[in-house]
Protein backbone atom coordinates (compact mmCIF):
# COMPACT_ATOMS: atom_id res chain seq x y z
CA UNK A 1 0.00 0.00 0.00
CA UNK A 2 2.81 2.42 0.87
CA UNK A 3 4.54 1.64 -2.40
CA UNK A 4 1.41 2.55 -4.36
CA UNK A 5 1.04 5.82 -2.44
CA UNK A 6 4.68 6.73 -3.09
CA UNK A 7 4.40 5.90 -6.80
CA UNK A 8 1.19 7.94 -7.03
CA UNK A 9 2.92 10.87 -5.31
CA UNK A 10 5.86 10.78 -7.74
CA UNK A 11 3.49 10.56 -10.71
CA UNK A 12 1.65 13.68 -9.51
CA UNK A 13 4.92 15.59 -9.07
CA UNK A 14 6.12 14.62 -12.55
CA UNK A 15 2.79 15.64 -14.09
CA UNK A 16 2.81 19.00 -12.26
CA UNK A 17 6.37 19.75 -13.44
CA UNK A 18 5.40 18.95 -17.04
CA UNK A 19 2.44 21.34 -16.86
CA UNK A 20 4.59 24.08 -15.35
CA UNK A 21 7.25 23.68 -18.07
CA UNK A 22 4.60 23.95 -20.80
CA UNK A 23 3.17 27.10 -19.21
CA UNK A 24 6.59 28.76 -19.03
CA UNK A 25 7.27 27.96 -22.69
CA UNK A 26 3.97 29.50 -23.77
CA UNK A 27 4.54 32.67 -21.75
CA UNK A 28 8.02 33.17 -23.22
CA UNK A 29 6.77 32.72 -26.79
CA UNK A 30 4.54 35.82 -26.57
CA UNK A 31 6.12 38.84 -28.25
CA UNK A 32 6.10 42.33 -26.78
CA UNK A 33 3.78 44.82 -28.48
CA UNK A 34 4.84 48.23 -29.80
CA UNK A 35 3.06 49.94 -26.91
CA UNK A 36 4.89 47.80 -24.35
CA UNK A 37 8.18 48.53 -26.15
CA UNK A 38 7.55 52.28 -25.78
CA UNK A 39 6.75 51.83 -22.07
CA UNK A 40 9.98 49.87 -21.54
CA UNK A 41 11.99 52.49 -23.45
CA UNK A 42 10.50 55.36 -21.44
CA UNK A 43 11.35 53.57 -18.19
CA UNK A 44 14.98 53.76 -19.30
CA UNK A 45 15.00 57.25 -20.85
CA UNK A 46 12.57 60.11 -20.22
CA UNK A 47 11.43 62.13 -23.22
CA UNK A 48 9.08 62.27 -26.18
CA UNK A 49 8.71 59.29 -28.49
CA UNK A 50 9.52 60.31 -32.06
CA UNK A 51 9.45 57.04 -33.99
CA UNK A 52 9.04 53.28 -33.57
CA UNK A 53 10.63 50.93 -36.11
CA UNK A 54 9.89 47.20 -36.13
CA UNK A 55 12.53 44.66 -37.16
CA UNK A 56 12.44 40.87 -37.01
CA UNK A 57 13.81 40.48 -33.45
CA UNK A 58 13.51 43.96 -31.96
CA UNK A 59 11.85 47.36 -31.98
CA UNK A 60 13.84 50.57 -32.30
CA UNK A 61 12.28 53.41 -30.29
CA UNK A 62 13.61 56.91 -31.01
CA UNK A 63 13.22 59.31 -28.08
CA UNK A 64 13.82 63.07 -27.93
CA UNK A 65 15.20 63.91 -24.48
CA UNK A 66 14.45 67.20 -22.71
CA UNK A 67 18.04 68.38 -23.32
CA UNK A 68 17.56 68.06 -27.12
CA UNK A 69 19.49 64.83 -27.63
CA UNK A 70 17.92 62.03 -29.66
CA UNK A 71 18.39 58.47 -28.36
CA UNK A 72 17.65 55.22 -30.19
CA UNK A 73 16.78 52.28 -27.95
CA UNK A 74 16.49 48.70 -29.13
CA UNK A 75 13.92 46.55 -27.32
CA UNK A 76 14.12 42.78 -27.79
CA UNK A 77 10.69 41.45 -28.81
CA UNK A 78 10.96 38.24 -26.81
CA UNK A 79 12.80 39.30 -23.65
CA UNK A 80 11.98 43.00 -23.34
CA UNK A 81 15.68 43.79 -22.86
CA UNK A 82 16.49 47.45 -23.60
CA UNK A 83 19.81 48.43 -25.21
CA UNK A 84 21.05 51.88 -26.21
CA UNK A 85 22.07 52.05 -29.84
């Protein structure tokens, strides 16, 4: 009886881990929208958004800062990572 309970317990744990792995994969496969890319860029650099360009793997968000400088930020579509160009 104990052996059956232990085997049942391990089966439940394995099943739960499989479901969790599938959920994580689905969440990571969702791409970031243009609006979210602008929000992420503005969290990094304050200013006015001038232009958004979409490439295969990233968005380029051009921002005019209050001091007059123009900054291009690249936002990865899958990870949301922001890099200055």
